[in-house]
Amino acid sequence: MSIWRRKSLAQLMSEASESEKGLKRTLTAWSLVALGIGAIIGAGLFVRTATAAAQNAGPSVTIGFIVAAIGCALAGLCYAELSSSIPISGSAYTYTYATMGELLAWIIGWDLILEYAVGAATVGIAWSEYLNNLLTNVLHVSPIPYSLSHSPFQSMTDPATGEVLHGMINLPAFFIVALISLLLIKGTQESAFVNGLIVVLKTSIVIMIIIFGWHFINDANHTPYIPPVSTYTDESGVGHHFGGIMGILGAAGTVFFAFIGFDAVSTAAQETKNPKRDMPIGILGSLAVCTVLYILFAHVLTGVATVEDFRTGGKEASVAFAISKYMVGYEWLAQFVTVAILAGFSSVILVILLGQSRVFYAMGKDGLLPKAFGDVHPKYKTPYKANLVILVIVGLFAAFIPGDIVGDMTGIGTLFAFILVCISVIVLRKREPDMPREFRTPFVPVVPILGIAVCLAMIYGLGWTNWLRLAGWLVLGLIFYFTYGKKNSRLNQPQP
């Protein structure tokens, strides 16, 4: 009953051939780049950029994007080796099970549950914000009342009446999470063609904002580019390091959410024509494209609007707000942004919830979660029970927790997963030196160690409140593992 027992590579490959045979190698490098961009560009860029500028770094949020991109690139090289060598579903959970044993696999699986759950909730909350923007500024009808579209931990003063408004529940966020969860149960998935259209649409929006917004940059908004060190307290009463190096690291941890999704490319290794060549191109190529767009986008956004805008009126639907207020003559672009972003957010939620169900399914099949999570619907052939549980968990997060909090929780959860992926490469090189590797991470152990260091720096920048949230979540996970998972683990059951 060892908590360090590992799954052998032979066992992993056997499970893959049994459960996933029939998958054809049809994806090219450019298909993977499109998949990565489709998953990456979403709430992180259109919402978290303004949050990081308001709370942490002002215009130097662009430097935060660079730091986050470096961390992602280093981790991405490690993902490329593992995903091309162990092309199995489950991502970091599976890699850890093969390299460091069951307890750490449980920890990373539990961590991925946090990442995906609060990630989908964050995008759902952003979807709610842009829905109200659509109702008000595009359709010119009354928005959903503040009390029914915000968490009970949020409040604001109505600028028209001076009345203090309090949130109760975010119904639109719960609605979109529930709707997409039900679609996933039925088996509805994006085709490559639809994903390509969404990528073109979302990328076009970003490029248009960069091109048109460049002429409206006010140099005063970029002076000083790195603000002096101070402290900013948000509406929830949480203090943030603002300005200086700590502000940039905090911004990097905040906007890191904008890069979440590139690791989804790693799950497509088994369907890639040439993993040795295409996986690194897909992972690093999507990262490179998005990083360039992110830096330019953040430079324009913080140049067009002020930090104070992002802290007050532009806090929600900040991109559309900035366009409407400062880019005279381009009000049509704000409306186009709002409509297109809603569609884009929906696709991101779909990708995240799909990944969430894969993790639940893998852990249910291994016995670490109730085996019902590994049950497949007799008609739709989807892990429907896992999707129903996800609907409840993610829906409650989206309905009752503020977006800033769940966004930071997603970031710290993902950073922790990246650290374990980097460690897995080092461990697997030592334990399985002769294992066939379609792609080899260069300069091991230097690259993985640098990846660990950069991710740790971003975790440090997120502050002690987020450390406590992660620690609390992991403590709950350990309690569940030692009371249920260890006893029911298939790997720890006597073999017939």
Protein backbone atom coordinates (compact mmCIF):
# COMPACT_ATOMS: atom_id res chain seq x y z
CA MET A 1 0.00 0.00 0.00
CA SER A 2 2.88 2.36 -0.79
CA ILE A 3 2.00 6.00 -1.45
CA TRP A 4 5.07 6.21 -3.73
CA ARG A 5 4.12 3.36 -6.04
CA ARG A 6 4.47 4.41 -9.68
CA LYS A 7 2.67 3.37 -12.82
CA SER A 8 5.08 1.66 -15.19
CA LEU A 9 5.47 3.09 -18.66
CA ALA A 10 4.40 -0.29 -20.07
CA GLN A 11 1.17 -0.08 -18.04
CA LEU A 12 0.49 3.46 -19.25
CA MET A 13 1.02 2.51 -22.88
CA SER A 14 -1.22 -0.53 -22.44
CA GLU A 15 -4.02 1.61 -20.97
CA ALA A 16 -3.64 4.06 -23.82
CA SER A 17 -3.96 1.38 -26.46
CA GLU A 18 -7.06 -0.07 -24.78
CA SER A 19 -8.94 3.15 -24.03
CA GLU A 20 -7.84 5.44 -26.84
CA LYS A 21 -7.24 3.23 -29.85
CA GLY A 22 -8.87 4.58 -32.95
CA LEU A 23 -7.37 8.04 -32.58
CA LYS A 24 -5.77 8.96 -35.87
CA ARG A 25 -2.64 11.04 -36.28
CA THR A 26 -4.16 13.87 -38.31
CA LEU A 27 -2.92 17.06 -36.60
CA THR A 28 -0.09 19.10 -38.07
CA ALA A 29 2.13 21.66 -36.38
CA TRP A 30 -0.09 24.49 -37.60
CA SER A 31 -3.21 22.69 -36.39
CA LEU A 32 -1.61 22.58 -32.94
CA VAL A 33 -0.66 26.26 -33.10
CA ALA A 34 -4.29 27.10 -33.96
CA LEU A 35 -5.51 24.87 -31.12
CA GLY A 36 -3.16 26.61 -28.70
CA ILE A 37 -4.14 30.11 -29.78
CA GLY A 38 -7.81 29.17 -29.61
CA ALA A 39 -7.40 27.99 -26.03
CA ILE A 40 -5.08 30.81 -24.91
CA ILE A 41 -6.73 34.01 -26.14
CA GLY A 42 -9.70 34.62 -23.89
CA ALA A 43 -10.58 36.05 -20.50
CA GLY A 44 -6.94 36.25 -19.48
CA LEU A 45 -6.13 38.84 -22.11
CA PHE A 46 -9.36 40.81 -22.19
CA VAL A 47 -9.94 40.92 -18.42
CA ARG A 48 -6.79 40.06 -16.47
CA THR A 49 -4.61 42.61 -18.32
CA ALA A 50 -6.60 45.49 -16.83
CA THR A 51 -6.67 43.77 -13.43
CA ALA A 52 -2.87 43.45 -13.37
CA ALA A 53 -2.44 47.06 -14.48
CA ALA A 54 -4.82 48.29 -11.77
CA GLN A 55 -3.56 46.18 -8.90
CA ASN A 56 0.11 45.53 -9.59
CA ALA A 57 2.11 47.16 -12.33
CA GLY A 58 0.40 49.93 -14.27
CA PRO A 59 1.89 50.12 -17.80
CA SER A 60 4.76 47.78 -16.84
CA VAL A 61 2.23 44.95 -17.05
CA THR A 62 3.93 44.36 -20.42
CA ILE A 63 7.08 43.30 -18.55
CA GLY A 64 4.88 41.00 -16.46
CA PHE A 65 3.73 39.35 -19.70
CA ILE A 66 7.36 38.78 -20.70
CA VAL A 67 8.17 37.16 -17.33
CA ALA A 68 5.07 34.95 -17.57
CA ALA A 69 5.96 33.99 -21.16
CA ILE A 70 9.49 32.96 -20.15
CA GLY A 71 8.08 30.72 -17.41
CA CYS A 72 5.60 29.21 -19.87
CA ALA A 73 8.29 28.64 -22.53
CA LEU A 74 10.56 26.81 -20.10
CA ALA A 75 7.67 24.67 -18.85
CA GLY A 76 6.49 24.25 -22.46
CA LEU A 77 9.77 22.60 -23.45
CA CYS A 78 9.24 20.10 -20.63
CA TYR A 79 5.62 19.52 -21.70
CA ALA A 80 6.84 18.88 -25.25
CA GLU A 81 9.17 16.08 -24.12
CA LEU A 82 6.63 14.39 -21.86
CA SER A 83 3.66 14.72 -24.22
CA SER A 84 5.59 13.36 -27.21
CA SER A 85 7.10 10.49 -25.17
CA ILE A 86 4.03 9.59 -23.05
CA PRO A 87 1.09 10.45 -25.35
CA ILE A 88 -1.61 9.68 -22.79
CA SER A 89 -4.59 11.69 -21.55
CA GLY A 90 -4.34 13.16 -18.06
CA SER A 91 -1.47 15.55 -18.82
CA ALA A 92 0.62 16.48 -15.75
CA TYR A 93 -1.31 14.02 -13.56
CA THR A 94 -0.26 11.09 -15.74
CA TYR A 95 3.35 12.28 -16.07
CA THR A 96 3.67 12.58 -12.29
CA TYR A 97 2.15 9.13 -11.72
CA ALA A 98 4.84 7.66 -13.99
CA THR A 99 7.73 9.53 -12.41
CA MET A 100 7.14 10.43 -8.77
CA GLY A 101 4.47 8.07 -7.51
CA GLU A 102 0.85 8.04 -6.44
CA LEU A 103 0.86 10.64 -3.67
CA LEU A 104 2.39 13.36 -5.84
CA ALA A 105 0.16 12.26 -8.74
CA TRP A 106 -2.83 12.75 -6.43
CA ILE A 107 -1.55 16.18 -5.41
CA ILE A 108 -1.12 17.31 -9.02
CA GLY A 109 -4.48 15.80 -10.00
CA TRP A 110 -6.15 17.63 -7.12
CA ASP A 111 -4.28 20.75 -8.15
CA LEU A 112 -5.47 20.39 -11.76
CA ILE A 113 -9.04 20.13 -10.47
CA LEU A 114 -8.49 23.53 -8.84
CA GLU A 115 -6.87 24.94 -11.98
CA TYR A 116 -9.60 23.86 -14.37
CA ALA A 117 -12.50 24.51 -12.02
CA VAL A 118 -11.58 28.06 -11.11
CA GLY A 119 -10.26 28.67 -14.64
CA ALA A 120 -13.66 27.89 -16.13
CA ALA A 121 -15.32 29.92 -13.37
CA THR A 122 -13.12 32.93 -14.14
CA VAL A 123 -14.02 32.84 -17.82
CA GLY A 124 -17.67 32.36 -16.87
CA ILE A 125 -17.52 35.49 -14.70
CA ALA A 126 -15.88 37.41 -17.55
CA TRP A 127 -18.62 36.12 -19.87
CA SER A 128 -21.19 37.55 -17.44
CA GLU A 129 -19.45 40.94 -17.43
CA TYR A 130 -19.39 41.15 -21.22
CA LEU A 131 -23.01 39.95 -21.44
CA ASN A 132 -24.08 42.99 -19.42
CA ASN A 133 -21.92 45.15 -21.68
CA LEU A 134 -23.66 43.63 -24.70
CA LEU A 135 -27.13 44.29 -23.26
CA THR A 136 -26.30 47.90 -22.36
CA ASN A 137 -24.10 49.16 -25.18
CA VAL A 138 -25.02 47.00 -28.15
CA LEU A 139 -28.66 45.99 -27.67
CA HIS A 140 -29.49 49.11 -25.58
CA VAL A 141 -31.65 47.26 -23.08
CA SER A 142 -31.49 47.12 -19.29
CA PRO A 143 -28.60 45.05 -17.93
CA ILE A 144 -29.06 42.17 -15.53
CA PRO A 145 -29.35 43.71 -12.03
CA TYR A 146 -26.10 44.04 -10.09
CA SER A 147 -27.40 41.74 -7.34
CA LEU A 148 -28.02 38.92 -9.85
CA SER A 149 -24.77 39.29 -11.81
CA HIS A 150 -22.19 39.62 -9.02
CA SER A 151 -20.82 37.60 -6.13
CA PRO A 152 -22.07 38.36 -2.59
CA PHE A 153 -18.51 39.55 -1.81
CA GLN A 154 -18.80 42.42 -4.30
CA SER A 155 -20.42 45.84 -4.03
CA MET A 156 -20.33 49.18 -5.81
CA THR A 157 -21.82 52.67 -5.60
CA ASP A 158 -24.35 53.47 -8.33
CA PRO A 159 -22.93 56.61 -10.03
CA ALA A 160 -26.43 57.78 -10.91
CA THR A 161 -28.15 57.45 -7.52
CA GLY A 162 -25.28 57.13 -5.05
CA GLU A 163 -26.88 53.94 -3.73
CA VAL A 164 -24.56 51.14 -2.64
CA LEU A 165 -25.34 47.97 -4.63
CA HIS A 166 -24.55 44.52 -3.27
CA GLY A 167 -24.12 41.30 -5.20
CA MET A 168 -26.04 38.13 -4.33
CA ILE A 169 -25.34 35.59 -7.08
CA ASN A 170 -23.81 35.67 -10.55
CA LEU A 171 -26.59 33.96 -12.51
CA PRO A 172 -25.20 34.55 -16.05
CA ALA A 173 -21.88 32.95 -15.07
CA PHE A 174 -23.68 29.93 -13.62
CA PHE A 175 -25.87 29.73 -16.73
CA ILE A 176 -23.01 29.56 -19.24
CA VAL A 177 -21.13 26.97 -17.16
CA ALA A 178 -24.27 24.82 -16.86
CA LEU A 179 -25.12 25.14 -20.55
CA ILE A 180 -21.68 24.10 -21.75
CA SER A 181 -21.47 21.27 -19.21
CA LEU A 182 -24.75 19.87 -20.56
CA LEU A 183 -23.45 20.19 -24.12
CA LEU A 184 -20.32 18.26 -23.16
CA ILE A 185 -22.44 15.51 -21.62
CA LYS A 186 -24.23 15.17 -24.92
CA GLY A 187 -20.89 15.00 -26.68
CA THR A 188 -20.90 18.32 -28.52
CA GLN A 189 -17.34 19.34 -29.42
CA GLU A 190 -15.72 22.01 -31.56
CA SER A 191 -14.63 20.80 -34.94
CA ALA A 192 -11.26 21.86 -36.30
CA PHE A 193 -13.08 24.12 -38.75
CA VAL A 194 -15.07 25.94 -36.05
CA ASN A 195 -11.98 26.25 -33.87
CA GLY A 196 -10.15 27.78 -36.82
CA LEU A 197 -12.92 30.34 -37.31
CA ILE A 198 -12.83 31.30 -33.63
CA VAL A 199 -9.04 31.68 -33.76
CA VAL A 200 -9.30 33.98 -36.79
CA LEU A 201 -12.07 35.98 -35.11
CA LYS A 202 -10.32 36.44 -31.75
CA THR A 203 -6.91 37.14 -33.29
CA SER A 204 -8.45 39.68 -35.66
CA ILE A 205 -10.01 41.53 -32.71
CA VAL A 206 -6.67 41.76 -30.91
CA ILE A 207 -4.88 42.97 -34.04
CA MET A 208 -7.58 45.59 -34.77
CA ILE A 209 -7.35 46.94 -31.21
CA ILE A 210 -3.56 47.17 -31.52
CA ILE A 211 -3.63 48.90 -34.92
CA PHE A 212 -6.50 51.33 -34.28
CA GLY A 213 -5.65 51.95 -30.64
CA TRP A 214 -2.00 52.79 -31.31
CA HIS A 215 -3.01 56.26 -32.54
CA PHE A 216 -4.86 56.97 -29.26
CA ILE A 217 -1.97 56.19 -26.92
CA ASN A 218 -1.42 59.01 -24.41
CA ASP A 219 2.26 59.07 -23.44
CA ALA A 220 1.31 60.47 -20.02
CA ASN A 221 -0.34 57.11 -19.20
CA HIS A 222 3.04 55.41 -19.71
CA THR A 223 4.96 57.81 -17.46
CA PRO A 224 6.58 56.43 -15.39
CA TYR A 225 6.54 53.08 -17.15
CA ILE A 226 7.42 51.26 -13.92
CA PRO A 227 5.39 53.03 -11.18
CA PRO A 228 7.03 53.84 -7.82
CA VAL A 229 6.53 51.26 -5.08
CA SER A 230 3.26 51.58 -3.16
CA THR A 231 0.35 49.46 -1.93
CA TYR A 232 -3.08 49.18 -3.54
CA THR A 233 -6.11 47.79 -1.68
CA ASP A 234 -8.84 46.37 -3.90
CA GLU A 235 -12.60 46.42 -3.30
CA SER A 236 -12.38 43.13 -1.38
CA GLY A 237 -9.95 44.71 1.09
CA VAL A 238 -6.94 42.69 -0.13
CA GLY A 239 -3.65 44.61 -0.37
CA HIS A 240 -1.39 44.29 -3.43
CA HIS A 241 2.21 45.31 -4.10
CA PHE A 242 1.98 48.08 -6.71
CA GLY A 243 4.97 49.22 -8.75
CA GLY A 244 8.61 48.15 -8.70
CA ILE A 245 9.89 44.59 -9.05
CA MET A 246 7.26 43.10 -6.74
CA GLY A 247 4.52 44.79 -8.74
CA ILE A 248 5.88 43.28 -11.96
CA LEU A 249 6.11 39.81 -10.38
CA GLY A 250 2.58 40.20 -9.06
CA ALA A 251 1.43 41.25 -12.53
CA ALA A 252 3.23 38.25 -14.04
CA GLY A 253 1.37 35.92 -11.66
CA THR A 254 -1.91 37.67 -12.47
CA VAL A 255 -1.57 37.73 -16.28
CA PHE A 256 -0.17 34.21 -16.20
CA PHE A 257 -3.83 33.22 -16.38
CA ALA A 258 -3.76 34.63 -19.93
CA PHE A 259 -1.39 31.85 -21.01
CA ILE A 260 -3.35 28.98 -19.50
CA GLY A 261 -4.44 26.77 -22.36
CA PHE A 262 -1.15 26.19 -24.13
CA ASP A 263 -0.73 23.02 -22.07
CA ALA A 264 -3.94 21.76 -23.70
CA VAL A 265 -1.83 21.24 -26.82
CA SER A 266 0.12 18.54 -24.93
CA THR A 267 -3.01 16.37 -24.69
CA ALA A 268 -3.14 16.11 -28.49
CA ALA A 269 0.21 14.28 -28.79
CA GLN A 270 -1.41 10.97 -29.70
CA GLU A 271 -3.24 12.59 -32.61
CA THR A 272 -0.23 14.42 -34.04
CA LYS A 273 1.37 13.24 -37.27
CA ASN A 274 4.95 13.92 -36.21
CA PRO A 275 5.15 14.54 -32.43
CA LYS A 276 8.95 14.95 -32.49
CA ARG A 277 8.69 17.98 -34.76
CA ASP A 278 5.10 19.16 -34.38
CA MET A 279 4.63 19.15 -30.56
CA PRO A 280 7.35 21.73 -29.80
CA ILE A 281 6.20 23.85 -32.74
CA GLY A 282 2.59 23.68 -31.55
CA ILE A 283 3.35 24.43 -27.91
CA LEU A 284 6.07 27.04 -28.38
CA GLY A 285 4.59 28.45 -31.60
CA SER A 286 1.23 29.24 -29.97
CA LEU A 287 3.11 30.73 -27.01
CA ALA A 288 5.24 32.93 -29.28
CA VAL A 289 2.29 34.26 -31.30
CA CYS A 290 0.23 35.01 -28.21
CA THR A 291 3.14 36.60 -26.32
CA VAL A 292 3.79 39.12 -29.10
CA LEU A 293 0.08 39.94 -29.35
CA TYR A 294 -0.24 40.18 -25.54
CA ILE A 295 2.66 42.62 -25.13
CA LEU A 296 1.43 44.89 -27.92
CA PHE A 297 -2.16 44.68 -26.67
CA ALA A 298 -1.17 45.55 -23.08
CA HIS A 299 0.99 48.45 -24.29
CA VAL A 300 -1.92 49.90 -26.25
CA LEU A 301 -4.57 49.31 -23.57
CA THR A 302 -2.52 50.93 -20.78
CA GLY A 303 -1.65 53.79 -23.11
CA VAL A 304 -5.24 54.49 -24.13
CA ALA A 305 -6.81 54.33 -20.63
CA THR A 306 -5.48 55.23 -17.19
CA VAL A 307 -4.81 52.98 -14.22
CA GLU A 308 -7.65 54.76 -12.42
CA ASP A 309 -10.00 53.78 -15.26
CA PHE A 310 -9.20 50.12 -14.66
CA ARG A 311 -9.82 50.54 -10.93
CA THR A 312 -13.22 52.20 -11.33
CA GLY A 313 -15.50 52.48 -14.37
CA GLY A 314 -13.39 50.28 -16.62
CA LYS A 315 -13.01 47.44 -14.15
CA GLU A 316 -15.58 45.30 -15.90
CA ALA A 317 -15.43 44.83 -19.68
CA SER A 318 -12.33 47.03 -19.58
CA VAL A 319 -11.44 46.74 -23.27
CA ALA A 320 -14.84 47.85 -24.51
CA PHE A 321 -14.84 50.61 -21.86
CA ALA A 322 -11.47 51.97 -23.00
CA ILE A 323 -12.51 51.95 -26.65
CA SER A 324 -15.84 53.66 -25.97
CA LYS A 325 -14.34 56.36 -23.72
CA TYR A 326 -11.14 57.26 -25.55
CA MET A 327 -11.19 55.97 -29.14
CA VAL A 328 -13.61 58.44 -30.68
CA GLY A 329 -15.12 57.17 -33.91
CA TYR A 330 -14.47 53.53 -33.08
CA GLU A 331 -17.54 52.80 -30.99
CA TRP A 332 -18.41 50.12 -33.56
CA LEU A 333 -15.20 48.31 -32.58
CA ALA A 334 -16.29 48.22 -28.92
CA GLN A 335 -19.58 46.61 -29.96
CA PHE A 336 -17.81 44.13 -32.23
CA VAL A 337 -15.37 43.29 -29.44
CA THR A 338 -18.20 42.59 -27.01
CA VAL A 339 -20.11 40.26 -29.35
CA ALA A 340 -17.04 38.37 -30.53
CA ILE A 341 -15.53 38.02 -27.05
CA LEU A 342 -18.71 36.36 -25.78
CA ALA A 343 -18.35 33.70 -28.47
CA GLY A 344 -14.65 33.36 -27.75
CA PHE A 345 -15.18 33.00 -24.02
CA SER A 346 -17.74 30.25 -24.64
CA SER A 347 -15.17 28.23 -26.61
CA VAL A 348 -12.54 28.69 -23.89
CA ILE A 349 -14.97 27.43 -21.23
CA LEU A 350 -15.68 24.42 -23.44
CA VAL A 351 -11.97 23.58 -23.75
CA ILE A 352 -11.34 23.99 -20.00
CA LEU A 353 -14.36 21.90 -18.95
CA LEU A 354 -13.38 19.23 -21.45
CA GLY A 355 -9.92 19.09 -19.86
CA GLN A 356 -11.48 19.01 -16.40
CA SER A 357 -13.59 15.99 -17.30
CA ARG A 358 -10.49 14.18 -18.65
CA VAL A 359 -8.69 14.64 -15.31
CA PHE A 360 -11.76 13.48 -13.34
CA TYR A 361 -12.13 10.52 -15.71
CA ALA A 362 -8.47 9.48 -15.36
CA MET A 363 -8.52 9.76 -11.55
CA GLY A 364 -11.84 7.90 -11.37
CA LYS A 365 -10.45 5.04 -13.50
CA ASP A 366 -7.42 4.88 -11.17
CA GLY A 367 -9.67 4.69 -8.10
CA LEU A 368 -8.32 7.88 -6.54
CA LEU A 369 -11.75 9.47 -6.99
CA PRO A 370 -15.06 7.54 -6.81
CA LYS A 371 -15.19 5.19 -9.79
CA ALA A 372 -18.42 6.85 -10.94
CA PHE A 373 -16.23 9.64 -12.34
CA GLY A 374 -14.84 7.06 -14.75
CA ASP A 375 -18.31 5.98 -15.94
CA VAL A 376 -19.14 6.66 -19.57
CA HIS A 377 -22.68 7.48 -20.75
CA PRO A 378 -24.08 4.43 -22.59
CA LYS A 379 -25.41 6.55 -25.46
CA TYR A 380 -23.23 9.67 -25.64
CA LYS A 381 -19.95 7.96 -24.65
CA THR A 382 -18.92 10.86 -22.40
CA PRO A 383 -17.96 10.91 -18.69
CA TYR A 384 -21.36 12.34 -17.84
CA LYS A 385 -21.21 11.88 -14.07
CA ALA A 386 -17.91 13.74 -13.94
CA ASN A 387 -19.46 16.52 -16.03
CA LEU A 388 -22.43 16.81 -13.67
CA VAL A 389 -20.14 17.16 -10.64
CA ILE A 390 -18.07 19.71 -12.57
CA LEU A 391 -21.27 21.63 -13.35
CA VAL A 392 -22.01 21.94 -9.62
CA ILE A 393 -18.46 22.76 -8.48
CA VAL A 394 -17.60 25.23 -11.25
CA GLY A 395 -21.10 26.70 -11.25
CA LEU A 396 -20.88 27.49 -7.53
CA PHE A 397 -17.43 29.05 -7.96
CA ALA A 398 -18.73 31.22 -10.81
CA ALA A 399 -21.91 32.19 -8.97
CA PHE A 400 -20.47 33.13 -5.59
CA ILE A 401 -16.73 33.95 -5.82
CA PRO A 402 -15.33 37.23 -7.29
CA GLY A 403 -13.41 36.96 -10.55
CA ASP A 404 -10.13 38.38 -9.21
CA ILE A 405 -9.90 35.72 -6.51
CA VAL A 406 -10.65 32.75 -8.75
CA GLY A 407 -8.31 34.11 -11.44
CA ASP A 408 -5.37 34.24 -9.03
CA MET A 409 -6.23 30.76 -7.70
CA THR A 410 -6.11 29.43 -11.26
CA GLY A 411 -2.72 31.04 -11.82
CA ILE A 412 -1.11 29.64 -8.68
CA GLY A 413 -2.59 26.18 -9.34
CA THR A 414 -1.20 26.13 -12.87
CA LEU A 415 2.22 27.38 -11.77
CA PHE A 416 2.36 24.54 -9.26
CA ALA A 417 1.49 22.04 -12.02
CA PHE A 418 4.20 23.48 -14.26
CA ILE A 419 6.78 23.06 -11.48
CA LEU A 420 5.94 19.36 -11.13
CA VAL A 421 6.11 18.88 -14.92
CA CYS A 422 9.62 20.40 -14.92
CA ILE A 423 10.63 18.09 -12.05
CA SER A 424 9.13 15.10 -13.92
CA VAL A 425 11.48 15.63 -16.87
CA ILE A 426 14.53 15.56 -14.58
CA VAL A 427 13.30 12.48 -12.68
CA LEU A 428 12.35 10.56 -15.83
CA ARG A 429 15.74 11.27 -17.41
CA LYS A 430 17.37 9.62 -14.37
CA ARG A 431 14.98 6.69 -13.97
CA GLU A 432 14.34 5.91 -17.65
CA PRO A 433 17.42 7.10 -19.53
CA ASP A 434 16.81 4.70 -22.44
CA MET A 435 13.12 5.50 -22.93
CA PRO A 436 12.37 6.56 -26.53
CA ARG A 437 11.81 10.31 -26.58
CA GLU A 438 10.21 11.87 -29.65
CA PHE A 439 11.37 15.30 -28.46
CA ARG A 440 14.10 16.04 -25.93
CA THR A 441 14.05 19.14 -23.75
CA PRO A 442 17.40 20.88 -24.35
CA PHE A 443 19.97 21.50 -21.63
CA VAL A 444 18.44 19.27 -18.95
CA PRO A 445 18.51 19.91 -15.99
CA VAL A 446 19.21 23.62 -16.65
CA VAL A 447 15.98 24.38 -18.56
CA PRO A 448 13.66 22.57 -16.09
CA ILE A 449 15.43 24.19 -13.10
CA LEU A 450 15.05 27.64 -14.69
CA GLY A 451 11.38 26.85 -15.33
CA ILE A 452 10.94 25.93 -11.67
CA ALA A 453 12.68 29.14 -10.56
CA VAL A 454 10.59 31.45 -12.76
CA CYS A 455 7.34 29.75 -11.72
CA LEU A 456 8.32 30.00 -8.05
CA ALA A 457 9.05 33.72 -8.53
CA MET A 458 5.57 34.26 -9.97
CA ILE A 459 4.01 32.28 -7.09
CA TYR A 460 5.93 34.53 -4.70
CA GLY A 461 4.58 37.60 -6.50
CA LEU A 462 0.97 36.44 -6.04
CA GLY A 463 1.25 37.03 -2.29
CA TRP A 464 0.49 35.17 0.91
CA THR A 465 -3.29 35.19 0.51
CA ASN A 466 -2.99 33.01 -2.58
CA TRP A 467 -0.39 30.79 -0.90
CA LEU A 468 -2.90 30.16 1.88
CA ARG A 469 -5.66 29.36 -0.60
CA LEU A 470 -3.46 26.83 -2.39
CA ALA A 471 -2.26 25.34 0.91
CA GLY A 472 -5.84 25.04 2.17
CA TRP A 473 -6.90 23.32 -1.05
CA LEU A 474 -3.98 20.87 -0.85
CA VAL A 475 -4.73 20.07 2.80
CA LEU A 476 -8.30 19.19 1.82
CA GLY A 477 -6.90 17.03 -0.95
CA LEU A 478 -4.55 15.16 1.37
CA ILE A 479 -7.39 14.49 3.80
CA PHE A 480 -9.47 13.06 0.94
CA TYR A 481 -6.54 10.96 -0.34
CA PHE A 482 -5.72 9.34 3.00
CA THR A 483 -9.36 8.70 3.86
CA TYR A 484 -10.49 7.50 0.43
CA GLY A 485 -8.01 7.56 -2.45
CA LYS A 486 -5.19 5.50 -0.90
CA LYS A 487 -7.58 2.77 0.18
CA ASN A 488 -9.40 2.55 -3.17
CA SER A 489 -6.46 3.08 -5.52
CA ARG A 490 -6.43 0.41 -8.25
CA LEU A 491 -2.65 0.45 -8.19
CA ASN A 492 -2.65 -0.49 -4.51
CA GLN A 493 -5.19 -3.30 -4.87
CA PRO A 494 -3.88 -6.88 -4.80
CA GLN A 495 -3.45 -8.05 -8.37
CA PRO A 496 -5.32 -11.26 -9.33
